[in-house]
Every structure is written in structure tokens, then in C-alpha cells.
Amino acid sequence: MTKSIELAVVGAGPAGMAAAAQAAELGLTVTLIDTFSSAGGQYYKQTPPALGGTVPPDKYAQGLLTAVQGDGVRLLSGTSAWGLFPEPSSGGKQRDGDYLLCLYGPPGTPRRLKPRAVILAPGAYDRPVPFPGWTLPGVMTAGAALTMVKHQHVLPGRRILLSGTGPLQLVLARHLLDAGAELAGILDANPFPWRGWRHAPAAWGQWARLQEGWESLQAMAKARVGIRWNHLVWRAEGHGRVEQAAIGPSDGSPGETLAVDTICLGHGFTPAVQLSRLAGCEHRYDAAQQAYVPLRDEWLQTTRSGLFVAGDGAGIGGKDVARLEGELAALGAARTLGREVDASRTESLQQALGPQRRFASVLNDLFPLSAHLADLLTDDTVLCRCEEITVSQIRQAIAEGATTASAVRMLTRAGMGRCQGRMCGSSIAELLARELGQPVEAVGQATPRPPIVPIPLEGLIDDGEEA
């Protein structure tokens, strides 16, 4: 049984919650779908009740959490959205405006919804960076480590090395130090951002973010932990798990070995575009973020009518960009569904987005993904963890004539595993482009296939549960 609804919002982070709250305020019937057991996403993630059940101190976040748990929004928690398809008309041709949204969740969760409009707010995930030894237990992303220490009150290791680039490393370092961890060092793959002074106008007004950075630097100074600029991890070593890390300058100059049991990698984030690509939205390659993002108009509507994308799923901007885009997307959806929208409210949101997006661009400029990361790859480095495909196998596929990411997948199965290419897709495309001497956008992306996330076989069946 497939039930028609007015608006579906996928993702309950800042963008999704803001969109759902705004849409409900405008009188729309809203269904909010999220993978986690409680709303909040990564930015406003709530600590489990067994560990104290604390809520985010941000008053705005608390207001959003209250709104999406109220009568105006139906919240489907612990539910995966594994497919999104434009609905065909009676003649069999696809038409814009109606969608089939496929879900899998706890008992009683509808398996199929037919929304008249959709707002995607899927967020982003830590950018995978392969290097020799990165599959050893003890190597993890900065986001995973932050979740462990901040929300689960568990240290990811005893002697920890941070490697990557950007402000998230400072935030993670502070939380690890506050929890009593020993930091073996912090490596930033980029040189010290001396040119940062040029961006002072864009940083004006970002007092909360600057304060957070200052507090992190103070905690590091107190613990006598500094940053090694222009350094990264060359190789992780150990028997059965990480025991040491070979580190050194990004240009390959002589380095050293550090005894560690945990390596946290923070090389930025990648927008989660799987659903927007599956729905047939047009995307472009953003060279600054080194990722594909959906094309959107001034209402954040994609090239599919009635389908909007807000927040980090359309380009990394942070929670303030996400919440503003969520509200704007809700206004756009309401307009599409025939509701009257306050023009002054729309204008104020678009004006507020300007400085927030400029600050996000500053961070992209100061902390880009290092070009030296590709130099770390050896023939036996695993790129596709799911199918255990190595660099040499990818190069062999290229030698056999593969010139696109899809061709590499067909020849090697790289990207056909449980993660659907999330962990290897960008690395394979970058290696392919490097070997062929072409820009990354020239080799394309492997086509997403449903289900975009792992679900049980019975989850593919529309069992007729009441929606």
C-alpha cells in the first residue's frame, strides 16, 4: 500500500528539522524521515538516554527538536530512505511533481510514500582518504571519533594521532583532551594559512565559530600539543591493528615514526548526493569542494520539479547555512504546493545566507584537500574496502581500456559493495583522472543503484503496512 502525502523531508539534521518546522508552520502536512533513533543529525546529535540523555545547549536547536516532535510533523526515526523515483504517468513516461519514496524502518513504518514534494537534507559524511594501512583497526574518521568521545563518552584509543586539515581537527582535539586522551600529535596537510587575513571581512560576525576555535587552541596550548603544518600520515603499521604511524612532510621529505594505537583522519566532508542522483537530478562537479553537488535554483529546487535539496547534501556549508537553507527550501516547497509565501521572509533568508556561504568558502580556500594525498598510494593499497580492490587492479582496468568510473566498476566490481561507492568512489575517480591525465569531471561517477543503503531483502517488499 502506497500512501500519498503532501511533503516528505529526508534527514533530521539542522536543514531537515528547519525545513519540517517551517513547512508545518505554513500549514503543510509533513513527514520527516531520519536514519538515527532521534532527531538532530550530526550537528545536534543527542546523547543516548542511558548516558544522560543531554540535549544540545543551542536554544535554536532545542526549538527545532520541539517543533519536529510536535503535532504538525510526523517523525519516522530509525528509518532508511533507500530509493527515490519520479512517478510515471499512466502512459509510462516519467513526470515531475510526484515521487515514490521507498523506506525501511521499525515495525509500523510505511514502506512506500508518494509525496507531492520532497526536501532532501541528507547531510554529508567524512571524506575517505586511502593510504597504505588505512584498513587496519584503529584508523577511523574524525567524525566517528568525535561521536565516540562527545556523545558516547568513550575514548577511541589511548595514544591518538590526528591527521587531516581544517577546523574539525581542533574541535576533536579539544574534546579528546577534555576526556583525558593522550595526543601524539596533530598533522595538517596544508601549510599554515598565512593568507587568512585576506578573509577577515568574511569572518566578521562569525563570533561563535571563532570562539570555538580559540577555545580549542587554548586547550591544545595547555596540553602542549601543537600542529605540524604541511604534514600527513604516509602509512599506518601494525599486526592486527595500528601500532605506529609513518609521518612526514607532504612533499615527501624525510619523516619519522610515531607509536600510536589510533589514527583519526579529518580531511573534510563529501555531500551525500545518492538520493538526488538516483532521482535523476542534474549535478555539477565543484572543484573547490572536489565533489559533485546538485544544480539548484534560488528556491533550492533541483532540476526536478518539486524536489529540493538543503544543507550539506548540496555543498558543505555548516549548520548555519543548513538551517537557513532548510527554511528557504520549505518556502519553495510550499510555493510549489500552492501555498502563499511571504516575499519578505524569503528575501531575508536569502540575504542571511550570503555571509554564511562566504565564510564556508573561506574555509574551503584555506583548508583544501591536499594534492599530495595521491602520492601516498602504492599498488597494494586497497581502494574499495567492500570488494578488496587494490590500486594495481584499478590500473589494470585502465590498461584494459577503462576511461570512466562506471567502466572501472564493471571490470573490477569496485563500488559494488555495501557502501555503494561512498568510501571509494571519489578516490577511484581521482586515480582514474590522474592516470589518464584528465580532469576528474571527465571520468564521471558510477551510477547509483537502489537500494542506496543496505537493507534486508524483505525491506524491498511493499507489505501494505498502514502509512
Protein backbone atom coordinates (compact mmCIF):
# COMPACT_ATOMS: atom_id res chain seq x y z
CA MET A 1 0.00 0.00 0.00
CA THR A 2 1.44 3.36 -1.07
CA LYS A 3 0.08 6.45 0.67
CA SER A 4 0.05 9.89 -0.91
CA ILE A 5 1.34 12.70 1.31
CA GLU A 6 1.99 16.39 0.81
CA LEU A 7 5.66 16.86 1.77
CA ALA A 8 8.45 14.44 2.72
CA VAL A 9 11.66 15.71 4.30
CA VAL A 10 14.56 13.25 4.31
CA GLY A 11 17.14 13.89 7.03
CA ALA A 12 16.57 15.37 10.51
CA GLY A 13 19.73 17.42 10.94
CA PRO A 14 19.66 21.23 11.06
CA ALA A 15 18.46 21.57 7.44
CA GLY A 16 15.79 18.89 7.68
CA MET A 17 14.45 20.00 11.05
CA ALA A 18 14.33 23.64 9.96
CA ALA A 19 12.54 22.64 6.76
CA ALA A 20 10.00 20.48 8.57
CA ALA A 21 9.32 23.11 11.23
CA GLN A 22 8.88 25.90 8.67
CA ALA A 23 6.68 23.76 6.42
CA ALA A 24 4.44 22.77 9.33
CA GLU A 25 4.15 26.43 10.32
CA LEU A 26 2.91 27.15 6.81
CA GLY A 27 0.21 24.51 7.20
CA LEU A 28 1.74 21.70 5.16
CA THR A 29 1.39 18.10 6.28
CA VAL A 30 4.98 16.97 6.81
CA THR A 31 6.61 13.56 7.16
CA LEU A 32 10.21 13.75 8.41
CA ILE A 33 12.39 10.67 7.84
CA ASP A 34 15.72 10.05 9.57
CA THR A 35 18.12 7.14 9.95
CA PHE A 36 19.02 7.86 13.56
CA SER A 37 16.90 6.94 16.58
CA SER A 38 16.38 10.60 17.47
CA ALA A 39 16.35 13.87 15.53
CA GLY A 40 19.35 16.18 15.48
CA GLY A 41 21.68 14.85 12.81
CA GLN A 42 25.43 15.11 13.29
CA TYR A 43 25.46 18.73 14.44
CA TYR A 44 22.72 18.40 17.06
CA LYS A 45 23.17 14.74 17.90
CA GLN A 46 21.59 13.84 21.23
CA THR A 47 23.36 11.76 23.85
CA PRO A 48 21.56 8.42 24.42
CA PRO A 49 19.28 8.34 27.50
CA ALA A 50 21.44 5.62 29.07
CA LEU A 51 24.36 8.07 29.04
CA GLY A 52 22.49 11.03 30.46
CA GLY A 53 20.26 11.99 27.56
CA THR A 54 21.57 15.54 27.28
CA VAL A 55 20.21 17.77 24.54
CA PRO A 56 22.16 20.37 22.55
CA PRO A 57 22.75 23.60 24.51
CA ASP A 58 21.86 25.64 21.43
CA LYS A 59 18.44 27.22 22.10
CA TYR A 60 17.62 27.29 18.40
CA ALA A 61 18.33 23.54 18.19
CA GLN A 62 16.10 22.89 21.18
CA GLY A 63 13.31 24.82 19.48
CA LEU A 64 13.70 22.74 16.32
CA LEU A 65 13.67 19.49 18.27
CA THR A 66 10.46 20.56 19.99
CA ALA A 67 8.87 21.58 16.68
CA VAL A 68 9.59 18.33 14.83
CA GLN A 69 8.30 16.28 17.74
CA GLY A 70 5.03 18.23 17.81
CA ASP A 71 1.67 17.57 16.20
CA GLY A 72 2.50 19.26 12.89
CA VAL A 73 5.24 16.83 11.88
CA ARG A 74 5.20 13.06 11.63
CA LEU A 75 8.71 11.91 12.56
CA LEU A 76 9.85 8.49 11.32
CA SER A 77 13.06 7.76 13.26
CA GLY A 78 15.37 4.82 12.71
CA THR A 79 14.18 4.73 9.10
CA SER A 80 16.32 4.48 5.97
CA ALA A 81 15.28 6.13 2.71
CA TRP A 82 16.74 3.71 0.17
CA GLY A 83 15.08 4.87 -3.04
CA LEU A 84 13.56 7.99 -4.60
CA PHE A 85 11.94 7.85 -8.04
CA PRO A 86 9.87 10.26 -10.13
CA GLU A 87 6.44 8.68 -10.51
CA PRO A 88 5.48 7.58 -14.05
CA SER A 89 2.24 8.82 -15.52
CA SER A 90 -0.45 6.47 -16.84
CA GLY A 91 1.34 6.49 -20.20
CA GLY A 92 4.52 5.13 -18.64
CA LYS A 93 6.55 8.33 -19.06
CA GLN A 94 8.15 9.96 -16.04
CA ARG A 95 6.70 13.27 -14.97
CA ASP A 96 7.92 15.83 -12.47
CA GLY A 97 5.94 16.70 -9.36
CA ASP A 98 5.09 13.29 -7.83
CA TYR A 99 7.64 10.90 -6.33
CA LEU A 100 7.87 7.40 -4.97
CA LEU A 101 9.90 7.33 -1.74
CA CYS A 102 10.98 3.87 -0.55
CA LEU A 103 11.64 3.37 3.16
CA TYR A 104 12.69 0.70 5.62
CA GLY A 105 12.27 1.14 9.35
CA PRO A 106 10.84 -0.32 12.56
CA PRO A 107 7.54 -2.27 12.56
CA GLY A 108 4.67 0.02 11.58
CA THR A 109 6.83 2.24 9.40
CA PRO A 110 5.37 2.74 5.91
CA ARG A 111 7.42 1.12 3.16
CA ARG A 112 6.23 3.39 0.36
CA LEU A 113 5.22 7.04 0.34
CA LYS A 114 4.08 9.15 -2.59
CA PRO A 115 4.88 12.77 -1.71
CA ARG A 116 3.86 15.68 -3.91
CA ALA A 117 7.08 17.46 -2.94
CA VAL A 118 10.37 16.32 -1.39
CA ILE A 119 13.09 18.15 0.51
CA LEU A 120 16.33 16.21 0.73
CA ALA A 121 18.56 17.10 3.68
CA PRO A 122 20.91 14.09 3.77
CA GLY A 123 23.96 15.96 5.10
CA ALA A 124 27.47 14.77 4.38
CA TYR A 125 29.98 12.16 5.50
CA ASP A 126 33.70 12.16 6.29
CA ARG A 127 35.82 12.16 3.16
CA PRO A 128 37.69 8.83 2.87
CA VAL A 129 41.44 9.17 2.24
CA PRO A 130 43.16 5.88 1.33
CA PHE A 131 46.82 5.26 2.11
CA PRO A 132 48.86 2.15 2.95
CA GLY A 133 47.47 0.62 6.12
CA TRP A 134 44.25 2.64 6.27
CA THR A 135 42.18 -0.54 6.62
CA LEU A 136 43.87 -1.50 9.92
CA PRO A 137 41.66 -1.39 13.03
CA GLY A 138 42.46 1.82 14.84
CA VAL A 139 42.22 4.03 11.74
CA MET A 140 38.96 5.99 11.80
CA THR A 141 37.45 9.25 10.64
CA ALA A 142 37.43 12.38 12.76
CA GLY A 143 33.63 12.38 12.71
CA ALA A 144 33.48 8.87 14.13
CA ALA A 145 35.96 9.75 16.88
CA LEU A 146 34.03 12.90 17.76
CA THR A 147 30.81 10.92 18.07
CA MET A 148 32.50 8.39 20.35
CA VAL A 149 34.02 10.90 22.74
CA LYS A 150 31.32 13.59 22.68
CA HIS A 151 28.10 11.58 22.58
CA GLN A 152 29.04 8.10 23.79
CA HIS A 153 31.68 9.15 26.34
CA VAL A 154 34.16 6.60 25.00
CA LEU A 155 37.77 7.33 24.04
CA PRO A 156 38.62 5.91 20.60
CA GLY A 157 42.12 4.95 21.81
CA ARG A 158 44.85 5.60 24.34
CA ARG A 159 47.51 7.37 22.25
CA ILE A 160 45.89 9.18 19.36
CA LEU A 161 47.23 10.90 16.24
CA LEU A 162 45.09 13.39 14.32
CA SER A 163 45.77 13.88 10.62
CA GLY A 164 43.87 15.91 8.04
CA THR A 165 43.09 19.57 7.59
CA GLY A 166 40.68 22.22 8.80
CA PRO A 167 38.89 23.35 11.97
CA LEU A 168 37.28 19.99 12.80
CA GLN A 169 40.71 18.76 13.90
CA LEU A 170 40.85 21.49 16.54
CA VAL A 171 37.36 20.70 17.82
CA LEU A 172 38.16 16.99 18.03
CA ALA A 173 41.49 17.69 19.76
CA ARG A 174 39.77 19.75 22.45
CA HIS A 175 37.16 17.07 23.18
CA LEU A 176 39.81 14.34 23.31
CA LEU A 177 41.96 16.38 25.68
CA ASP A 178 38.97 17.21 27.88
CA ALA A 179 38.22 13.48 28.08
CA GLY A 180 41.78 12.71 29.18
CA ALA A 181 43.22 11.35 25.93
CA GLU A 182 46.92 11.49 25.09
CA LEU A 183 47.52 13.17 21.74
CA ALA A 184 50.64 12.04 19.90
CA GLY A 185 50.30 14.98 17.52
CA ILE A 186 48.10 16.93 15.12
CA LEU A 187 49.07 16.97 11.46
CA ASP A 188 47.64 19.39 8.90
CA ALA A 189 48.29 18.51 5.27
CA ASN A 190 48.27 22.19 4.27
CA PRO A 191 50.78 24.95 5.05
CA PHE A 192 49.96 27.45 7.78
CA PRO A 193 47.15 29.67 6.36
CA TRP A 194 49.07 32.94 6.32
CA ARG A 195 46.69 34.35 3.72
CA GLY A 196 43.83 34.07 6.18
CA TRP A 197 44.00 37.79 6.95
CA ARG A 198 42.65 38.48 3.48
CA HIS A 199 39.39 36.85 4.52
CA ALA A 200 38.88 38.99 7.63
CA PRO A 201 35.74 40.69 6.20
CA ALA A 202 34.10 37.29 5.59
CA ALA A 203 34.94 36.19 9.15
CA TRP A 204 33.38 39.30 10.67
CA GLY A 205 30.32 38.34 12.68
CA GLN A 206 31.24 34.64 12.96
CA TRP A 207 31.94 35.10 16.66
CA ALA A 208 30.63 31.72 17.85
CA ARG A 209 32.81 29.82 15.39
CA LEU A 210 35.86 31.95 16.14
CA GLN A 211 35.29 31.49 19.88
CA GLU A 212 35.09 27.72 19.44
CA GLY A 213 38.39 27.76 17.54
CA TRP A 214 40.04 29.95 20.18
CA GLU A 215 38.93 27.65 23.00
CA SER A 216 40.30 24.66 21.13
CA LEU A 217 43.66 26.37 20.63
CA GLN A 218 43.78 27.24 24.34
CA ALA A 219 43.14 23.59 25.30
CA MET A 220 45.92 22.47 22.95
CA ALA A 221 48.35 25.04 24.34
CA LYS A 222 47.59 23.97 27.89
CA ALA A 223 48.31 20.35 26.96
CA ARG A 224 51.41 21.44 25.00
CA VAL A 225 50.08 19.93 21.80
CA GLY A 226 50.93 21.80 18.60
CA ILE A 227 50.06 21.46 14.94
CA ARG A 228 52.59 20.23 12.41
CA TRP A 229 51.70 22.10 9.27
CA ASN A 230 52.29 20.60 5.84
CA HIS A 231 52.47 17.10 7.39
CA LEU A 232 50.39 13.96 6.95
CA VAL A 233 50.35 10.23 7.65
CA TRP A 234 52.22 8.31 4.98
CA ARG A 235 51.49 4.83 6.29
CA ALA A 236 49.80 3.01 9.19
CA GLU A 237 51.64 -0.03 10.51
CA GLY A 238 50.87 -2.84 12.94
CA HIS A 239 49.99 -6.51 13.40
CA GLY A 240 46.21 -6.85 13.52
CA ARG A 241 45.73 -3.18 14.47
CA VAL A 242 47.50 0.17 14.40
CA GLU A 243 50.75 0.21 16.38
CA GLN A 244 52.62 3.05 14.72
CA ALA A 245 52.30 5.70 12.03
CA ALA A 246 54.90 6.81 9.50
CA ILE A 247 54.50 10.57 9.15
CA GLY A 248 56.31 13.37 7.37
CA PRO A 249 56.07 16.49 5.22
CA SER A 250 53.53 16.48 2.42
CA ASP A 251 56.29 16.84 -0.18
CA GLY A 252 57.87 13.51 0.78
CA SER A 253 60.88 14.89 2.69
CA PRO A 254 62.34 12.64 5.42
CA GLY A 255 59.87 11.91 8.20
CA GLU A 256 59.60 9.80 11.35
CA THR A 257 57.59 7.05 13.02
CA LEU A 258 55.25 7.62 15.97
CA ALA A 259 53.97 4.93 18.33
CA VAL A 260 50.15 5.26 18.34
CA ASP A 261 47.14 2.98 18.64
CA THR A 262 44.63 5.26 16.91
CA ILE A 263 44.75 7.50 13.84
CA CYS A 264 41.86 9.92 13.29
CA LEU A 265 41.52 11.26 9.73
CA GLY A 266 39.80 14.59 9.15
CA HIS A 267 40.17 15.60 5.50
CA GLY A 268 36.80 17.31 5.23
CA PHE A 269 33.41 16.06 4.10
CA THR A 270 31.64 14.82 1.00
CA PRO A 271 28.00 15.77 0.24
CA ALA A 272 25.63 12.78 0.30
CA VAL A 273 24.13 13.01 -3.19
CA GLN A 274 23.00 9.41 -3.65
CA LEU A 275 19.25 10.10 -3.46
CA SER A 276 19.37 13.24 -5.61
CA ARG A 277 21.37 11.37 -8.25
CA LEU A 278 19.03 8.37 -8.10
CA ALA A 279 16.08 10.71 -8.67
CA GLY A 280 17.72 11.97 -11.88
CA CYS A 281 18.69 15.49 -10.75
CA GLU A 282 21.49 17.16 -12.68
CA HIS A 283 24.76 17.60 -10.78
CA ARG A 284 27.96 19.54 -11.39
CA TYR A 285 31.49 18.99 -10.17
CA ASP A 286 32.54 21.63 -7.62
CA ALA A 287 36.32 21.92 -7.91
CA ALA A 288 36.63 23.88 -4.65
CA GLN A 289 34.98 21.06 -2.68
CA GLN A 290 36.20 18.32 -5.01
CA ALA A 291 32.73 16.80 -5.03
CA TYR A 292 29.55 16.65 -7.09
CA VAL A 293 26.63 18.84 -5.98
CA PRO A 294 23.07 19.16 -7.33
CA LEU A 295 22.11 22.11 -9.50
CA ARG A 296 19.56 24.31 -7.68
CA ASP A 297 17.59 27.48 -8.36
CA GLU A 298 17.02 30.39 -5.98
CA TRP A 299 14.42 28.33 -4.09
CA LEU A 300 16.89 25.42 -3.77
CA GLN A 301 14.79 23.39 -6.18
CA THR A 302 16.74 20.91 -8.29
CA THR A 303 16.26 20.25 -11.98
CA ARG A 304 13.36 18.00 -10.91
CA SER A 305 10.20 19.98 -10.20
CA GLY A 306 9.11 19.70 -6.57
CA LEU A 307 12.41 18.20 -5.43
CA PHE A 308 14.60 20.42 -3.22
CA VAL A 309 17.99 19.88 -1.56
CA ALA A 310 19.11 21.81 1.52
CA GLY A 311 22.20 21.81 3.72
CA ASP A 312 25.47 19.93 3.38
CA GLY A 313 23.95 17.49 0.89
CA ALA A 314 24.21 20.31 -1.66
CA GLY A 315 27.69 21.51 -0.64
CA ILE A 316 29.48 21.79 2.69
CA GLY A 317 28.43 24.96 4.48
CA GLY A 318 27.92 24.11 8.15
CA LYS A 319 24.91 24.18 10.44
CA ASP A 320 24.05 27.86 9.96
CA VAL A 321 23.88 27.52 6.18
CA ALA A 322 21.95 24.28 6.64
CA ARG A 323 19.20 25.69 8.85
CA LEU A 324 18.72 28.77 6.64
CA GLU A 325 18.57 26.61 3.51
CA GLY A 326 16.11 24.30 5.23
CA GLU A 327 13.73 27.17 5.87
CA LEU A 328 14.16 28.51 2.33
CA ALA A 329 13.53 25.08 0.81
CA ALA A 330 10.34 24.80 2.87
CA LEU A 331 9.14 28.12 1.47
CA GLY A 332 9.96 26.87 -2.02
CA ALA A 333 8.07 23.63 -1.45
CA ALA A 334 5.08 25.50 -0.04
CA ARG A 335 5.07 27.73 -3.12
CA THR A 336 5.18 24.66 -5.38
CA LEU A 337 2.23 23.17 -3.49
CA GLY A 338 0.13 26.29 -3.96
CA ARG A 339 0.61 27.98 -0.60
CA GLU A 340 1.07 31.72 -0.29
CA VAL A 341 4.65 32.58 0.70
CA ASP A 342 5.77 35.80 2.40
CA ALA A 343 8.15 37.52 -0.03
CA SER A 344 9.88 39.46 2.76
CA ARG A 345 10.64 36.24 4.64
CA THR A 346 12.17 34.74 1.50
CA GLU A 347 14.27 37.82 0.89
CA SER A 348 15.56 37.92 4.48
CA LEU A 349 16.61 34.26 4.31
CA GLN A 350 18.46 34.77 1.04
CA GLN A 351 20.24 37.81 2.47
CA ALA A 352 21.22 35.93 5.63
CA LEU A 353 22.65 33.10 3.56
CA GLY A 354 25.15 35.37 1.82
CA PRO A 355 27.67 35.90 4.66
CA GLN A 356 27.32 32.31 5.88
CA ARG A 357 28.14 30.93 2.44
CA ARG A 358 31.07 33.32 2.09
CA PHE A 359 32.55 32.07 5.36
CA ALA A 360 32.16 28.47 4.17
CA SER A 361 34.05 29.43 1.01
CA VAL A 362 36.85 30.87 3.16
CA LEU A 363 37.33 27.51 4.89
CA ASN A 364 37.40 25.72 1.52
CA ASP A 365 40.09 28.14 0.35
CA LEU A 366 42.26 27.91 3.47
CA PHE A 367 41.98 24.14 4.00
CA PRO A 368 41.70 22.39 0.60
CA LEU A 369 42.16 18.67 0.10
CA SER A 370 45.91 18.20 -0.32
CA ALA A 371 47.10 17.24 -3.80
CA HIS A 372 49.88 15.20 -2.18
CA LEU A 373 47.46 12.54 -0.90
CA ALA A 374 47.51 10.75 -4.26
CA ASP A 375 51.29 10.36 -3.95
CA LEU A 376 50.79 8.05 -0.95
CA LEU A 377 49.08 5.31 -2.96
CA THR A 378 51.02 2.12 -3.62
CA ASP A 379 49.98 -0.73 -5.90
CA ASP A 380 48.81 -2.86 -2.97
CA THR A 381 46.80 -0.06 -1.29
CA VAL A 382 43.15 -1.08 -1.01
CA LEU A 383 40.79 1.47 -2.58
CA CYS A 384 37.48 -0.41 -2.46
CA ARG A 385 37.21 -1.88 1.02
CA CYS A 386 33.95 -3.76 0.35
CA GLU A 387 35.30 -5.74 -2.61
CA GLU A 388 39.01 -5.51 -1.58
CA ILE A 389 40.07 -3.93 -4.86
CA THR A 390 43.60 -2.51 -4.89
CA VAL A 391 45.25 0.34 -6.78
CA SER A 392 47.01 -2.15 -9.06
CA GLN A 393 43.66 -3.69 -10.06
CA ILE A 394 42.28 -0.26 -10.92
CA ARG A 395 45.39 0.46 -13.00
CA GLN A 396 44.97 -2.87 -14.76
CA ALA A 397 41.38 -1.93 -15.64
CA ILE A 398 42.67 1.34 -17.08
CA ALA A 399 45.24 -0.59 -19.12
CA GLU A 400 42.38 -2.69 -20.48
CA GLY A 401 40.61 0.41 -21.74
CA ALA A 402 38.50 1.73 -18.85
CA THR A 403 38.14 5.51 -19.15
CA THR A 404 35.16 6.15 -16.87
CA ALA A 405 34.28 5.34 -13.28
CA SER A 406 31.41 3.15 -14.48
CA ALA A 407 33.77 1.16 -16.72
CA VAL A 408 36.13 0.59 -13.79
CA ARG A 409 33.22 -0.71 -11.73
CA MET A 410 32.16 -3.14 -14.44
CA LEU A 411 35.69 -4.52 -14.84
CA THR A 412 36.62 -4.74 -11.14
CA ARG A 413 33.41 -4.59 -9.05
CA ALA A 414 34.88 -1.58 -7.23
CA GLY A 415 31.93 0.35 -5.81
CA MET A 416 29.50 -2.58 -5.94
CA GLY A 417 29.72 -3.38 -2.22
CA ARG A 418 27.59 -2.43 0.77
CA CYS A 419 28.71 1.21 0.78
CA GLN A 420 27.74 1.73 -2.90
CA GLY A 421 30.98 3.61 -3.57
CA ARG A 422 30.78 6.08 -0.68
CA MET A 423 34.20 5.01 0.56
CA CYS A 424 35.90 4.50 -2.78
CA GLY A 425 34.02 6.44 -5.46
CA SER A 426 35.91 9.72 -5.21
CA SER A 427 39.29 8.01 -4.77
CA ILE A 428 38.75 5.83 -7.84
CA ALA A 429 37.67 8.81 -9.93
CA GLU A 430 40.69 10.84 -8.82
CA LEU A 431 43.10 7.96 -9.55
CA LEU A 432 41.47 7.36 -12.93
CA ALA A 433 41.69 11.05 -13.87
CA ARG A 434 45.32 11.20 -12.73
CA GLU A 435 46.32 8.13 -14.75
CA LEU A 436 44.53 9.40 -17.87
CA GLY A 437 45.70 12.99 -17.48
CA GLN A 438 42.12 14.29 -17.46
CA PRO A 439 40.04 16.43 -15.07
CA VAL A 440 38.01 14.47 -12.53
CA GLU A 441 34.69 15.56 -14.01
CA ALA A 442 35.69 13.97 -17.33
CA VAL A 443 35.65 10.44 -15.88
CA GLY A 444 32.23 10.83 -14.28
CA GLN A 445 30.67 8.90 -11.44
CA ALA A 446 29.37 5.38 -11.22
CA THR A 447 25.57 5.35 -11.48
CA PRO A 448 23.84 4.81 -8.11
CA ARG A 449 21.64 1.75 -7.79
CA PRO A 450 18.78 1.09 -5.38
CA PRO A 451 18.84 0.31 -2.55
CA ILE A 452 21.41 3.03 -1.87
CA VAL A 453 21.90 1.73 1.70
CA PRO A 454 21.98 -1.87 2.92
CA ILE A 455 18.55 -3.18 3.90
CA PRO A 456 17.18 -6.70 4.45
CA LEU A 457 15.66 -8.42 1.43
CA GLU A 458 12.21 -8.23 3.00
CA GLY A 459 12.63 -4.45 3.06
CA LEU A 460 12.20 -4.39 -0.72
CA ILE A 461 8.64 -5.66 -0.37
CA ASP A 462 5.75 -3.27 -0.01
CA ASP A 463 3.92 -5.22 2.67
CA GLY A 464 0.93 -2.92 2.89
CA GLU A 465 1.56 -1.59 6.42
CA GLU A 466 -0.59 1.37 7.33
CA ALA A 467 1.16 4.62 6.48
